[in-house]
Protein backbone atom coordinates (compact mmCIF):
# COMPACT_ATOMS: atom_id res chain seq x y z
CA MET A 1 35.28 5.54 19.43
CA PRO A 2 35.45 7.09 15.95
CA ARG A 3 38.07 9.72 15.27
CA ASN A 4 35.54 11.87 13.38
CA SER A 5 31.82 12.34 13.75
CA ALA A 6 29.47 15.15 12.78
CA SER A 7 25.80 15.99 12.63
CA LEU A 8 23.92 18.80 10.98
CA TRP A 9 20.24 19.65 11.17
CA ASN A 10 18.48 22.51 9.46
CA HIS A 11 14.89 23.72 9.72
CA PHE A 12 13.18 25.63 6.90
CA ARG A 13 9.89 27.52 7.19
CA LEU A 14 8.09 26.88 3.88
CA LEU A 15 4.78 28.56 4.71
CA PRO A 16 3.48 30.26 7.88
CA ARG A 17 2.14 26.91 9.18
CA LEU A 18 4.41 24.45 7.34
CA ALA A 19 8.12 23.70 7.84
CA ALA A 20 10.61 21.05 6.77
CA GLY A 21 13.83 19.81 8.26
CA PHE A 22 16.84 17.94 6.90
CA GLY A 23 19.58 16.27 8.89
CA LEU A 24 22.88 14.53 8.15
CA ILE A 25 24.80 12.31 10.55
CA HIS A 26 28.31 11.03 9.85
CA GLN A 27 30.43 8.67 11.93
CA GLY A 28 33.97 7.79 10.92
CA GLU A 29 35.56 4.36 10.90
CA MET A 30 36.32 2.84 14.30
CA PHE A 31 37.46 -0.39 15.88
CA ALA A 32 34.96 -2.65 17.65
CA ALA A 33 37.26 -3.42 20.62
CA PHE A 34 40.63 -2.54 22.15
CA ASP A 35 42.49 -5.27 20.23
CA ASN A 36 41.83 -3.42 16.92
CA SER A 37 41.05 -6.65 15.06
CA VAL A 38 37.54 -5.70 13.81
CA ARG A 39 36.91 -2.44 11.97
CA ILE A 40 33.48 -0.82 11.81
CA PRO A 41 33.16 1.14 8.57
CA GLN A 42 32.18 4.80 8.45
CA PHE A 43 28.61 5.73 7.58
CA ALA A 44 26.44 8.71 6.79
CA ARG A 45 22.70 8.86 7.38
CA ALA A 46 20.14 11.37 6.08
CA ASP A 47 16.93 12.24 7.97
CA VAL A 48 14.01 14.48 6.98
CA ALA A 49 11.00 15.92 8.79
CA LEU A 50 7.81 17.84 8.08
CA PHE A 51 6.14 20.08 10.66
CA HIS A 52 2.59 21.38 10.33
CA SER A 53 0.85 23.71 12.77
CA LEU A 54 -2.80 22.66 12.72
CA SER A 55 -3.85 25.40 15.13
CA GLU A 56 -2.34 27.59 17.84
CA ARG A 57 -2.38 24.65 20.26
CA LEU A 58 -2.06 21.63 17.97
CA SER A 59 0.88 20.60 15.74
CA LEU A 60 1.80 17.53 13.71
CA GLN A 61 5.31 16.26 12.98
CA VAL A 62 6.45 13.43 10.68
CA ASN A 63 10.08 12.26 10.72
CA VAL A 64 11.85 9.83 8.38
CA GLU A 65 15.14 8.45 9.70
CA ASN A 66 17.67 6.74 7.41
CA LEU A 67 16.02 8.12 4.28
CA THR A 68 18.28 6.11 1.94
CA ASN A 69 17.64 2.86 3.92
CA ARG A 70 21.35 1.95 4.01
CA SER A 71 22.69 -0.72 6.34
CA TYR A 72 25.27 0.43 8.88
CA ILE A 73 26.77 -0.51 12.23
CA VAL A 74 26.06 2.15 14.86
CA ASN A 75 28.26 0.81 17.69
CA ALA A 76 29.94 -2.26 19.14
CA HIS A 77 30.27 -3.79 22.60
CA ASN A 78 33.10 -6.11 21.50
CA ASN A 79 34.28 -7.89 18.33
CA ASN A 80 31.24 -10.19 18.25
CA ASN A 81 28.48 -7.87 19.45
CA LEU A 82 27.86 -5.25 16.76
CA THR A 83 24.68 -3.15 16.82
CA PRO A 84 23.14 -2.42 13.42
CA GLY A 85 21.48 0.93 12.76
CA LEU A 86 17.78 0.99 12.15
CA ALA A 87 16.35 0.56 8.68
CA ARG A 88 14.24 3.42 7.34
CA ALA A 89 11.81 4.44 10.06
CA VAL A 90 8.82 6.77 9.84
CA ARG A 91 7.48 8.37 13.00
CA ALA A 92 4.59 10.74 13.49
CA GLY A 93 3.79 12.86 16.52
CA LEU A 94 0.96 15.10 17.59
CA THR A 95 1.69 17.86 20.10
CA VAL A 96 -1.02 19.56 22.17
CA ARG A 97 -0.15 22.73 24.10
CA LEU A 98 -2.32 23.08 27.18
């Protein structure tokens, strides 16, 4: 478990029907297992999002995770089983309010 970790997300209304978001995630250095023989380096990840209200009942959202496309290890199950973080990912969603 890392000694330090933090996340920050902010949402900005740009226009009445358009908004943007920006997020930062930081995880400090940690060991992969109890024997402290493998260190997992710290990392920081930046995410962004755009939100557009198409109508009163319909909205569109586009998120980009890992904006800088950096490689990082997100967690470990032991010294030989390290889980890499995702490469840059773009996701879109459409929300309908009934």
